[in-house]
Amino acid sequence: MSNVIHADEGTFEQAVLKSDVPVLVDFWAQWCGPCRSIAPILDDLSTEFDGKARIVKIDVDSNPNLAAQFGIRSIPALFIFKGGEKVDAVAGALPKPQLQAFINKHL
């Protein structure tokens, strides 16, 4: 079962900025092949890190203001937020061990 949260411009603040745990935000789009390739990995990680970190997906096509606010130029773009601030970012479809390490470094 996946614990991935699909947020939008209306729920971003509550899901990401006000989270009491670190949040991995995946800026993605339905037409993006690499985005679709990491989706099952993010589903796995959402259960693996349940209670320790949160995974939130933002569809850039449906949420252009958020994409512009964070300067998204290529997807997938993966950001880590802690305490309401962006603290780290990587781009591209990373393998599961690298995504695990990316999250772990902020726990």
PDB file of N, CA and C in Angstrom:
ATOM      1  N   MET A   1       0.834  -1.198   0.000  1.00  0.00           N
ATOM      2  CA  MET A   1       0.000   0.000   0.000  1.00  0.00           C
ATOM      3  C   MET A   1       0.875   1.256   0.000  1.00  0.00           C
ATOM      4  N   SER A   2       0.502   2.229  -0.773  1.00  0.00           N
ATOM      5  CA  SER A   2       1.278   3.454  -0.899  1.00  0.00           C
ATOM      6  C   SER A   2       0.761   4.521   0.062  1.00  0.00           C
ATOM      7  N   ASN A   3       1.692   5.265   0.628  1.00  0.00           N
ATOM      8  CA  ASN A   3       1.341   6.410   1.468  1.00  0.00           C
ATOM      9  C   ASN A   3       1.688   7.720   0.775  1.00  0.00           C
ATOM     10  N   VAL A   4       1.906   7.668  -0.544  1.00  0.00           N
ATOM     11  CA  VAL A   4       2.247   8.878  -1.289  1.00  0.00           C
ATOM     12  C   VAL A   4       1.044   9.817  -1.263  1.00  0.00           C
ATOM     13  N   ILE A   5       1.323  11.085  -0.997  1.00  0.00           N
ATOM     14  CA  ILE A   5       0.286  12.112  -0.969  1.00  0.00           C
ATOM     15  C   ILE A   5       0.350  12.885  -2.279  1.00  0.00           C
ATOM     16  N   HIS A   6      -0.795  13.027  -2.936  1.00  0.00           N
ATOM     17  CA  HIS A   6      -0.869  13.847  -4.150  1.00  0.00           C
ATOM     18  C   HIS A   6      -1.397  15.214  -3.723  1.00  0.00           C
ATOM     19  N   ALA A   7      -0.505  16.202  -3.723  1.00  0.00           N
ATOM     20  CA  ALA A   7      -0.875  17.541  -3.269  1.00  0.00           C
ATOM     21  C   ALA A   7      -1.038  18.474  -4.462  1.00  0.00           C
ATOM     22  N   ASP A   8      -1.637  19.616  -4.191  1.00  0.00           N
ATOM     23  CA  ASP A   8      -1.795  20.637  -5.223  1.00  0.00           C
ATOM     24  C   ASP A   8      -1.546  21.998  -4.578  1.00  0.00           C
ATOM     25  N   GLU A   9      -1.804  23.047  -5.344  1.00  0.00           N
ATOM     26  CA  GLU A   9      -1.523  24.387  -4.833  1.00  0.00           C
ATOM     27  C   GLU A   9      -2.324  24.689  -3.565  1.00  0.00           C
ATOM     28  N   GLY A  10      -3.499  24.078  -3.425  1.00  0.00           N
ATOM     29  CA  GLY A  10      -4.332  24.317  -2.251  1.00  0.00           C
ATOM     30  C   GLY A  10      -3.893  23.544  -1.015  1.00  0.00           C
ATOM     31  N   THR A  11      -3.229  22.396  -1.212  1.00  0.00           N
ATOM     32  CA  THR A  11      -2.855  21.547  -0.069  1.00  0.00           C
ATOM     33  C   THR A  11      -1.351  21.515   0.191  1.00  0.00           C
ATOM     34  N   PHE A  12      -0.571  22.193  -0.649  1.00  0.00           N
ATOM     35  CA  PHE A  12       0.887  22.152  -0.536  1.00  0.00           C
ATOM     36  C   PHE A  12       1.383  22.612   0.840  1.00  0.00           C
ATOM     37  N   GLU A  13       0.848  23.720   1.309  1.00  0.00           N
ATOM     38  CA  GLU A  13       1.322  24.260   2.587  1.00  0.00           C
ATOM     39  C   GLU A  13       1.124  23.237   3.711  1.00  0.00           C
ATOM     40  N   GLN A  14      -0.068  22.650   3.796  1.00  0.00           N
ATOM     41  CA  GLN A  14      -0.349  21.684   4.858  1.00  0.00           C
ATOM     42  C   GLN A  14       0.470  20.400   4.685  1.00  0.00           C
ATOM     43  N   ALA A  15       0.547  19.887   3.450  1.00  0.00           N
ATOM     44  CA  ALA A  15       1.216  18.603   3.194  1.00  0.00           C
ATOM     45  C   ALA A  15       2.736  18.694   3.299  1.00  0.00           C
ATOM     46  N   VAL A  16       3.289  19.848   2.937  1.00  0.00           N
ATOM     47  CA  VAL A  16       4.748  19.970   2.840  1.00  0.00           C
ATOM     48  C   VAL A  16       5.316  20.946   3.868  1.00  0.00           C
ATOM     49  N   LEU A  17       4.893  22.185   3.800  1.00  0.00           N
ATOM     50  CA  LEU A  17       5.520  23.228   4.607  1.00  0.00           C
ATOM     51  C   LEU A  17       5.236  23.072   6.098  1.00  0.00           C
ATOM     52  N   LYS A  18       4.077  22.522   6.449  1.00  0.00           N
ATOM     53  CA  LYS A  18       3.724  22.365   7.868  1.00  0.00           C
ATOM     54  C   LYS A  18       3.967  20.946   8.379  1.00  0.00           C
ATOM     55  N   SER A  19       4.625  20.117   7.611  1.00  0.00           N
ATOM     56  CA  SER A  19       4.890  18.737   8.020  1.00  0.00           C
ATOM     57  C   SER A  19       5.858  18.705   9.203  1.00  0.00           C
ATOM     58  N   ASP A  20       5.601  17.776  10.121  1.00  0.00           N
ATOM     59  CA  ASP A  20       6.498  17.619  11.266  1.00  0.00           C
ATOM     60  C   ASP A  20       7.619  16.619  10.990  1.00  0.00           C
ATOM     61  N   VAL A  21       7.639  16.053   9.788  1.00  0.00           N
ATOM     62  CA  VAL A  21       8.719  15.160   9.359  1.00  0.00           C
ATOM     63  C   VAL A  21       9.260  15.679   8.024  1.00  0.00           C
ATOM     64  N   PRO A  22      10.502  15.298   7.655  1.00  0.00           N
ATOM     65  CA  PRO A  22      11.020  15.705   6.341  1.00  0.00           C
ATOM     66  C   PRO A  22      10.103  15.215   5.210  1.00  0.00           C
ATOM     67  N   VAL A  23      10.027  16.001   4.141  1.00  0.00           N
ATOM     68  CA  VAL A  23       9.154  15.676   3.016  1.00  0.00           C
ATOM     69  C   VAL A  23       9.967  15.629   1.726  1.00  0.00           C
ATOM     70  N   LEU A  24       9.851  14.507   1.002  1.00  0.00           N
ATOM     71  CA  LEU A  24      10.398  14.416  -0.351  1.00  0.00           C
ATOM     72  C   LEU A  24       9.280  14.815  -1.298  1.00  0.00           C
ATOM     73  N   VAL A  25       9.475  15.898  -2.032  1.00  0.00           N
ATOM     74  CA  VAL A  25       8.472  16.344  -3.002  1.00  0.00           C
ATOM     75  C   VAL A  25       8.947  15.962  -4.393  1.00  0.00           C
ATOM     76  N   ASP A  26       8.093  15.237  -5.105  1.00  0.00           N
ATOM     77  CA  ASP A  26       8.365  14.812  -6.474  1.00  0.00           C
ATOM     78  C   ASP A  26       7.547  15.684  -7.417  1.00  0.00           C
ATOM     79  N   PHE A  27       8.217  16.590  -8.139  1.00  0.00           N
ATOM     80  CA  PHE A  27       7.555  17.366  -9.180  1.00  0.00           C
ATOM     81  C   PHE A  27       7.583  16.508 -10.445  1.00  0.00           C
ATOM     82  N   TRP A  28       6.410  16.157 -10.970  1.00  0.00           N
ATOM     83  CA  TRP A  28       6.309  15.184 -12.045  1.00  0.00           C
ATOM     84  C   TRP A  28       5.182  15.569 -13.005  1.00  0.00           C
ATOM     85  N   ALA A  29       5.027  14.783 -14.087  1.00  0.00           N
ATOM     86  CA  ALA A  29       3.906  14.943 -15.016  1.00  0.00           C
ATOM     87  C   ALA A  29       3.567  13.573 -15.603  1.00  0.00           C
ATOM     88  N   GLN A  30       2.314  13.399 -15.969  1.00  0.00           N
ATOM     89  CA  GLN A  30       1.825  12.120 -16.500  1.00  0.00           C
ATOM     90  C   GLN A  30       2.581  11.693 -17.763  1.00  0.00           C
ATOM     91  N   TRP A  31       2.967  12.651 -18.602  1.00  0.00           N
ATOM     92  CA  TRP A  31       3.622  12.349 -19.887  1.00  0.00           C
ATOM     93  C   TRP A  31       5.116  12.056 -19.741  1.00  0.00           C
ATOM     94  N   CYS A  32       5.657  12.202 -18.534  1.00  0.00           N
ATOM     95  CA  CYS A  32       7.105  12.076 -18.299  1.00  0.00           C
ATOM     96  C   CYS A  32       7.474  10.627 -18.000  1.00  0.00           C
ATOM     97  N   GLY A  33       8.176   9.983 -18.932  1.00  0.00           N
ATOM     98  CA  GLY A  33       8.589   8.587 -18.773  1.00  0.00           C
ATOM     99  C   GLY A  33       9.423   8.332 -17.523  1.00  0.00           C
ATOM    100  N   PRO A  34      10.503   9.117 -17.312  1.00  0.00           N
ATOM    101  CA  PRO A  34      11.306   8.912 -16.102  1.00  0.00           C
ATOM    102  C   PRO A  34      10.491   9.104 -14.813  1.00  0.00           C
ATOM    103  N   CYS A  35       9.519  10.020 -14.844  1.00  0.00           N
ATOM    104  CA  CYS A  35       8.653  10.236 -13.668  1.00  0.00           C
ATOM    105  C   CYS A  35       7.862   8.958 -13.375  1.00  0.00           C
ATOM    106  N   ARG A  36       7.317   8.371 -14.431  1.00  0.00           N
ATOM    107  CA  ARG A  36       6.534   7.134 -14.248  1.00  0.00           C
ATOM    108  C   ARG A  36       7.422   5.989 -13.794  1.00  0.00           C
ATOM    109  N   SER A  37       8.688   5.989 -14.225  1.00  0.00           N
ATOM    110  CA  SER A  37       9.581   4.885 -13.853  1.00  0.00           C
ATOM    111  C   SER A  37       9.937   4.908 -12.366  1.00  0.00           C
ATOM    112  N   ILE A  38       9.977   6.090 -11.731  1.00  0.00           N
ATOM    113  CA  ILE A  38      10.309   6.121 -10.303  1.00  0.00           C
ATOM    114  C   ILE A  38       9.063   6.060  -9.410  1.00  0.00           C
ATOM    115  N   ALA A  39       7.873   6.146  -9.997  1.00  0.00           N
ATOM    116  CA  ALA A  39       6.642   6.125  -9.184  1.00  0.00           C
ATOM    117  C   ALA A  39       6.544   4.888  -8.284  1.00  0.00           C
ATOM    118  N   PRO A  40       6.807   3.667  -8.799  1.00  0.00           N
ATOM    119  CA  PRO A  40       6.729   2.497  -7.903  1.00  0.00           C
ATOM    120  C   PRO A  40       7.775   2.534  -6.793  1.00  0.00           C
ATOM    121  N   ILE A  41       8.936   3.118  -7.078  1.00  0.00           N
ATOM    122  CA  ILE A  41       9.983   3.241  -6.056  1.00  0.00           C
ATOM    123  C   ILE A  41       9.506   4.187  -4.955  1.00  0.00           C
ATOM    124  N   LEU A  42       8.896   5.304  -5.363  1.00  0.00           N
ATOM    125  CA  LEU A  42       8.392   6.258  -4.375  1.00  0.00           C
ATOM    126  C   LEU A  42       7.263   5.640  -3.557  1.00  0.00           C
ATOM    127  N   ASP A  43       6.431   4.814  -4.188  1.00  0.00           N
ATOM    128  CA  ASP A  43       5.381   4.095  -3.448  1.00  0.00           C
ATOM    129  C   ASP A  43       6.007   3.225  -2.368  1.00  0.00           C
ATOM    130  N   ASP A  44       7.048   2.463  -2.739  1.00  0.00           N
ATOM    131  CA  ASP A  44       7.752   1.606  -1.769  1.00  0.00           C
ATOM    132  C   ASP A  44       8.348   2.444  -0.643  1.00  0.00           C
ATOM    133  N   LEU A  45       9.015   3.531  -0.998  1.00  0.00           N
ATOM    134  CA  LEU A  45       9.673   4.364   0.005  1.00  0.00           C
ATOM    135  C   LEU A  45       8.656   5.028   0.933  1.00  0.00           C
ATOM    136  N   SER A  46       7.465   5.312   0.419  1.00  0.00           N
ATOM    137  CA  SER A  46       6.451   5.962   1.258  1.00  0.00           C
ATOM    138  C   SER A  46       6.028   5.055   2.411  1.00  0.00           C
ATOM    139  N   THR A  47       6.035   3.743   2.188  1.00  0.00           N
ATOM    140  CA  THR A  47       5.705   2.822   3.286  1.00  0.00           C
ATOM    141  C   THR A  47       6.945   2.557   4.142  1.00  0.00           C
ATOM    142  N   GLU A  48       8.094   2.457   3.504  1.00  0.00           N
ATOM    143  CA  GLU A  48       9.342   2.212   4.230  1.00  0.00           C
ATOM    144  C   GLU A  48       9.661   3.331   5.228  1.00  0.00           C
ATOM    145  N   PHE A  49       9.394   4.575   4.831  1.00  0.00           N
ATOM    146  CA  PHE A  49       9.706   5.723   5.682  1.00  0.00           C
ATOM    147  C   PHE A  49       8.480   6.247   6.426  1.00  0.00           C
ATOM    148  N   ASP A  50       7.389   5.491   6.444  1.00  0.00           N
ATOM    149  CA  ASP A  50       6.151   5.925   7.093  1.00  0.00           C
ATOM    150  C   ASP A  50       6.428   6.334   8.540  1.00  0.00           C
ATOM    151  N   GLY A  51       5.997   7.544   8.888  1.00  0.00           N
ATOM    152  CA  GLY A  51       6.221   8.053  10.239  1.00  0.00           C
ATOM    153  C   GLY A  51       7.537   8.798  10.400  1.00  0.00           C
ATOM    154  N   LYS A  52       8.490   8.564   9.493  1.00  0.00           N
ATOM    155  CA  LYS A  52       9.809   9.218   9.575  1.00  0.00           C
ATOM    156  C   LYS A  52       9.974  10.304   8.509  1.00  0.00           C
ATOM    157  N   ALA A  53       9.344  10.087   7.360  1.00  0.00           N
ATOM    158  CA  ALA A  53       9.400  11.053   6.254  1.00  0.00           C
ATOM    159  C   ALA A  53       8.124  10.868   5.438  1.00  0.00           C
ATOM    160  N   ARG A  54       7.802  11.882   4.653  1.00  0.00           N
ATOM    161  CA  ARG A  54       6.587  11.876   3.851  1.00  0.00           C
ATOM    162  C   ARG A  54       6.975  12.059   2.383  1.00  0.00           C
ATOM    163  N   ILE A  55       6.225  11.419   1.494  1.00  0.00           N
ATOM    164  CA  ILE A  55       6.453  11.596   0.059  1.00  0.00           C
ATOM    165  C   ILE A  55       5.217  12.247  -0.551  1.00  0.00           C
ATOM    166  N   VAL A  56       5.450  13.380  -1.213  1.00  0.00           N
ATOM    167  CA  VAL A  56       4.366  14.166  -1.798  1.00  0.00           C
ATOM    168  C   VAL A  56       4.666  14.353  -3.277  1.00  0.00           C
ATOM    169  N   LYS A  57       3.658  14.117  -4.120  1.00  0.00           N
ATOM    170  CA  LYS A  57       3.808  14.316  -5.566  1.00  0.00           C
ATOM    171  C   LYS A  57       3.027  15.560  -5.981  1.00  0.00           C
ATOM    172  N   ILE A  58       3.662  16.364  -6.827  1.00  0.00           N
ATOM    173  CA  ILE A  58       3.040  17.560  -7.385  1.00  0.00           C
ATOM    174  C   ILE A  58       3.065  17.438  -8.910  1.00  0.00           C
ATOM    175  N   ASP A  59       1.896  17.390  -9.519  1.00  0.00           N
ATOM    176  CA  ASP A  59       1.787  17.342 -10.982  1.00  0.00           C
ATOM    177  C   ASP A  59       2.017  18.761 -11.514  1.00  0.00           C
ATOM    178  N   VAL A  60       3.120  18.954 -12.249  1.00  0.00           N
ATOM    179  CA  VAL A  60       3.484  20.293 -12.715  1.00  0.00           C
ATOM    180  C   VAL A  60       2.491  20.856 -13.732  1.00  0.00           C
ATOM    181  N   ASP A  61       1.814  19.984 -14.481  1.00  0.00           N
ATOM    182  CA  ASP A  61       0.834  20.468 -15.456  1.00  0.00           C
ATOM    183  C   ASP A  61      -0.397  21.040 -14.757  1.00  0.00           C
ATOM    184  N   SER A  62      -0.802  20.420 -13.653  1.00  0.00           N
ATOM    185  CA  SER A  62      -1.978  20.869 -12.910  1.00  0.00           C
ATOM    186  C   SER A  62      -1.657  21.987 -11.922  1.00  0.00           C
ATOM    187  N   ASN A  63      -0.377  22.159 -11.620  1.00  0.00           N
ATOM    188  CA  ASN A  63       0.040  23.136 -10.608  1.00  0.00           C
ATOM    189  C   ASN A  63       1.183  24.019 -11.111  1.00  0.00           C
ATOM    190  N   PRO A  64       0.920  24.783 -12.178  1.00  0.00           N
ATOM    191  CA  PRO A  64       1.993  25.569 -12.792  1.00  0.00           C
ATOM    192  C   PRO A  64       2.573  26.635 -11.862  1.00  0.00           C
ATOM    193  N   ASN A  65       1.779  27.151 -10.935  1.00  0.00           N
ATOM    194  CA  ASN A  65       2.291  28.179 -10.026  1.00  0.00           C
ATOM    195  C   ASN A  65       3.345  27.608  -9.083  1.00  0.00           C
ATOM    196  N   LEU A  66       3.106  26.388  -8.585  1.00  0.00           N
ATOM    197  CA  LEU A  66       4.112  25.750  -7.720  1.00  0.00           C
ATOM    198  C   LEU A  66       5.372  25.436  -8.515  1.00  0.00           C
ATOM    199  N   ALA A  67       5.195  24.936  -9.740  1.00  0.00           N
ATOM    200  CA  ALA A  67       6.356  24.631 -10.587  1.00  0.00           C
ATOM    201  C   ALA A  67       7.181  25.896 -10.821  1.00  0.00           C
ATOM    202  N   ALA A  68       6.510  27.016 -11.077  1.00  0.00           N
ATOM    203  CA  ALA A  68       7.211  28.281 -11.304  1.00  0.00           C
ATOM    204  C   ALA A  68       7.863  28.774 -10.013  1.00  0.00           C
ATOM    205  N   GLN A  69       7.159  28.661  -8.897  1.00  0.00           N
ATOM    206  CA  GLN A  69       7.665  29.126  -7.607  1.00  0.00           C
ATOM    207  C   GLN A  69       8.987  28.446  -7.255  1.00  0.00           C
ATOM    208  N   PHE A  70       9.101  27.156  -7.591  1.00  0.00           N
ATOM    209  CA  PHE A  70      10.316  26.416  -7.253  1.00  0.00           C
ATOM    210  C   PHE A  70      11.265  26.254  -8.430  1.00  0.00           C
ATOM    211  N   GLY A  71      11.003  26.966  -9.526  1.00  0.00           N
ATOM    212  CA  GLY A  71      11.937  26.994 -10.655  1.00  0.00           C
ATOM    213  C   GLY A  71      12.126  25.652 -11.328  1.00  0.00           C
ATOM    214  N   ILE A  72      11.054  24.879 -11.451  1.00  0.00           N
ATOM    215  CA  ILE A  72      11.156  23.553 -12.059  1.00  0.00           C
ATOM    216  C   ILE A  72      11.367  23.719 -13.564  1.00  0.00           C
ATOM    217  N   ARG A  73      12.509  23.221 -14.046  1.00  0.00           N
ATOM    218  CA  ARG A  73      12.817  23.295 -15.479  1.00  0.00           C
ATOM    219  C   ARG A  73      12.866  21.927 -16.124  1.00  0.00           C
ATOM    220  N   SER A  74      13.137  20.901 -15.323  1.00  0.00           N
ATOM    221  CA  SER A  74      13.119  19.534 -15.849  1.00  0.00           C
ATOM    222  C   SER A  74      12.550  18.631 -14.764  1.00  0.00           C
ATOM    223  N   ILE A  75      11.908  17.573 -15.195  1.00  0.00           N
ATOM    224  CA  ILE A  75      11.300  16.641 -14.247  1.00  0.00           C
ATOM    225  C   ILE A  75      11.758  15.225 -14.572  1.00  0.00           C
ATOM    226  N   PRO A  76      11.765  14.312 -13.607  1.00  0.00           N
ATOM    227  CA  PRO A  76      11.369  14.567 -12.230  1.00  0.00           C
ATOM    228  C   PRO A  76      12.385  15.435 -11.482  1.00  0.00           C
ATOM    229  N   ALA A  77      11.858  16.343 -10.672  1.00  0.00           N
ATOM    230  CA  ALA A  77      12.671  17.149  -9.771  1.00  0.00           C
ATOM    231  C   ALA A  77      12.260  16.764  -8.359  1.00  0.00           C
ATOM    232  N   LEU A  78      13.221  16.350  -7.558  1.00  0.00           N
ATOM    233  CA  LEU A  78      12.947  15.859  -6.211  1.00  0.00           C
ATOM    234  C   LEU A  78      13.574  16.798  -5.194  1.00  0.00           C
ATOM    235  N   PHE A  79      12.731  17.351  -4.332  1.00  0.00           N
ATOM    236  CA  PHE A  79      13.185  18.298  -3.314  1.00  0.00           C
ATOM    237  C   PHE A  79      12.936  17.704  -1.940  1.00  0.00           C
ATOM    238  N   ILE A  80      13.802  18.023  -0.999  1.00  0.00           N
ATOM    239  CA  ILE A  80      13.562  17.686   0.411  1.00  0.00           C
ATOM    240  C   ILE A  80      13.229  18.987   1.143  1.00  0.00           C
ATOM    241  N   PHE A  81      12.109  18.962   1.860  1.00  0.00           N
ATOM    242  CA  PHE A  81      11.709  20.079   2.706  1.00  0.00           C
ATOM    243  C   PHE A  81      11.789  19.639   4.158  1.00  0.00           C
ATOM    244  N   LYS A  82      12.323  20.520   4.983  1.00  0.00           N
ATOM    245  CA  LYS A  82      12.391  20.275   6.427  1.00  0.00           C
ATOM    246  C   LYS A  82      12.016  21.569   7.119  1.00  0.00           C
ATOM    247  N   GLY A  83      11.070  21.495   8.046  1.00  0.00           N
ATOM    248  CA  GLY A  83      10.673  22.699   8.777  1.00  0.00           C
ATOM    249  C   GLY A  83      10.185  23.812   7.873  1.00  0.00           C
ATOM    250  N   GLY A  84       9.530  23.440   6.770  1.00  0.00           N
ATOM    251  CA  GLY A  84       8.970  24.438   5.855  1.00  0.00           C
ATOM    252  C   GLY A  84       9.963  25.029   4.872  1.00  0.00           C
ATOM    253  N   GLU A  85      11.208  24.558   4.894  1.00  0.00           N
ATOM    254  CA  GLU A  85      12.239  25.090   3.993  1.00  0.00           C
ATOM    255  C   GLU A  85      12.768  24.006   3.067  1.00  0.00           C
ATOM    256  N   LYS A  86      13.062  24.390   1.816  1.00  0.00           N
ATOM    257  CA  LYS A  86      13.726  23.466   0.889  1.00  0.00           C
ATOM    258  C   LYS A  86      15.185  23.360   1.311  1.00  0.00           C
ATOM    259  N   VAL A  87      15.638  22.126   1.605  1.00  0.00           N
ATOM    260  CA  VAL A  87      17.007  21.943   2.092  1.00  0.00           C
ATOM    261  C   VAL A  87      17.896  21.161   1.130  1.00  0.00           C
ATOM    262  N   ASP A  88      17.283  20.512   0.133  1.00  0.00           N
ATOM    263  CA  ASP A  88      18.089  19.718  -0.794  1.00  0.00           C
ATOM    264  C   ASP A  88      17.272  19.443  -2.048  1.00  0.00           C
ATOM    265  N   ALA A  89      17.959  19.101  -3.132  1.00  0.00           N
ATOM    266  CA  ALA A  89      17.271  18.798  -4.389  1.00  0.00           C
ATOM    267  C   ALA A  89      18.139  17.908  -5.266  1.00  0.00           C
ATOM    268  N   VAL A  90      17.493  17.029  -6.012  1.00  0.00           N
ATOM    269  CA  VAL A  90      18.152  16.249  -7.057  1.00  0.00           C
ATOM    270  C   VAL A  90      17.195  16.209  -8.246  1.00  0.00           C
ATOM    271  N   ALA A  91      17.751  15.963  -9.425  1.00  0.00           N
ATOM    272  CA  ALA A  91      16.921  15.876 -10.623  1.00  0.00           C
ATOM    273  C   ALA A  91      17.156  14.536 -11.290  1.00  0.00           C
ATOM    274  N   GLY A  92      16.112  14.038 -11.918  1.00  0.00           N
ATOM    275  CA  GLY A  92      16.239  12.808 -12.683  1.00  0.00           C
ATOM    276  C   GLY A  92      15.723  11.589 -11.950  1.00  0.00           C
ATOM    277  N   ALA A  93      15.593  10.511 -12.692  1.00  0.00           N
ATOM    278  CA  ALA A  93      15.085   9.251 -12.151  1.00  0.00           C
ATOM    279  C   ALA A  93      16.232   8.486 -11.512  1.00  0.00           C
ATOM    280  N   LEU A  94      16.323   8.554 -10.202  1.00  0.00           N
ATOM    281  CA  LEU A  94      17.392   7.877  -9.480  1.00  0.00           C
ATOM    282  C   LEU A  94      16.955   6.472  -9.089  1.00  0.00           C
ATOM    283  N   PRO A  95      17.923   5.540  -8.980  1.00  0.00           N
ATOM    284  CA  PRO A  95      17.576   4.195  -8.508  1.00  0.00           C
ATOM    285  C   PRO A  95      17.216   4.230  -7.018  1.00  0.00           C
ATOM    286  N   LYS A  96      16.520   3.197  -6.577  1.00  0.00           N
ATOM    287  CA  LYS A  96      16.018   3.155  -5.202  1.00  0.00           C
ATOM    288  C   LYS A  96      17.095   3.398  -4.142  1.00  0.00           C
ATOM    289  N   PRO A  97      18.285   2.749  -4.228  1.00  0.00           N
ATOM    290  CA  PRO A  97      19.283   2.995  -3.179  1.00  0.00           C
ATOM    291  C   PRO A  97      19.683   4.467  -3.055  1.00  0.00           C
ATOM    292  N   GLN A  98      19.764   5.165  -4.179  1.00  0.00           N
ATOM    293  CA  GLN A  98      20.126   6.588  -4.142  1.00  0.00           C
ATOM    294  C   GLN A  98      18.998   7.422  -3.544  1.00  0.00           C
ATOM    295  N   LEU A  99      17.754   7.070  -3.851  1.00  0.00           N
ATOM    296  CA  LEU A  99      16.621   7.799  -3.269  1.00  0.00           C
ATOM    297  C   LEU A  99      16.537   7.543  -1.767  1.00  0.00           C
ATOM    298  N   GLN A 100      16.793   6.299  -1.349  1.00  0.00           N
ATOM    299  CA  GLN A 100      16.811   5.986   0.086  1.00  0.00           C
ATOM    300  C   GLN A 100      17.870   6.831   0.796  1.00  0.00           C
ATOM    301  N   ALA A 101      19.062   6.900   0.220  1.00  0.00           N
ATOM    302  CA  ALA A 101      20.157   7.663   0.815  1.00  0.00           C
ATOM    303  C   ALA A 101      19.820   9.156   0.856  1.00  0.00           C
ATOM    304  N   PHE A 102      19.179   9.649  -0.188  1.00  0.00           N
ATOM    305  CA  PHE A 102      18.778  11.057  -0.273  1.00  0.00           C
ATOM    306  C   PHE A 102      17.828  11.408   0.877  1.00  0.00           C
ATOM    307  N   ILE A 103      16.881  10.522   1.160  1.00  0.00           N
ATOM    308  CA  ILE A 103      15.942  10.753   2.268  1.00  0.00           C
ATOM    309  C   ILE A 103      16.656  10.572   3.611  1.00  0.00           C
ATOM    310  N   ASN A 104      17.395   9.486   3.738  1.00  0.00           N
ATOM    311  CA  ASN A 104      18.058   9.166   5.014  1.00  0.00           C
ATOM    312  C   ASN A 104      18.957  10.294   5.503  1.00  0.00           C
ATOM    313  N   LYS A 105      19.589  10.993   4.569  1.00  0.00           N
ATOM    314  CA  LYS A 105      20.534  12.033   4.969  1.00  0.00           C
ATOM    315  C   LYS A 105      19.840  13.203   5.666  1.00  0.00           C
ATOM    316  N   HIS A 106      18.506  13.257   5.579  1.00  0.00           N
ATOM    317  CA  HIS A 106      17.750  14.363   6.195  1.00  0.00           C
ATOM    318  C   HIS A 106      16.888  13.915   7.367  1.00  0.00           C
ATOM    319  N   LEU A 107      17.041  12.675   7.800  1.00  0.00           N
ATOM    320  CA  LEU A 107      16.250  12.191   8.944  1.00  0.00           C
ATOM    321  C   LEU A 107      16.913  12.557  10.260  1.00  0.00           C
TER     322      LEU A 107
END
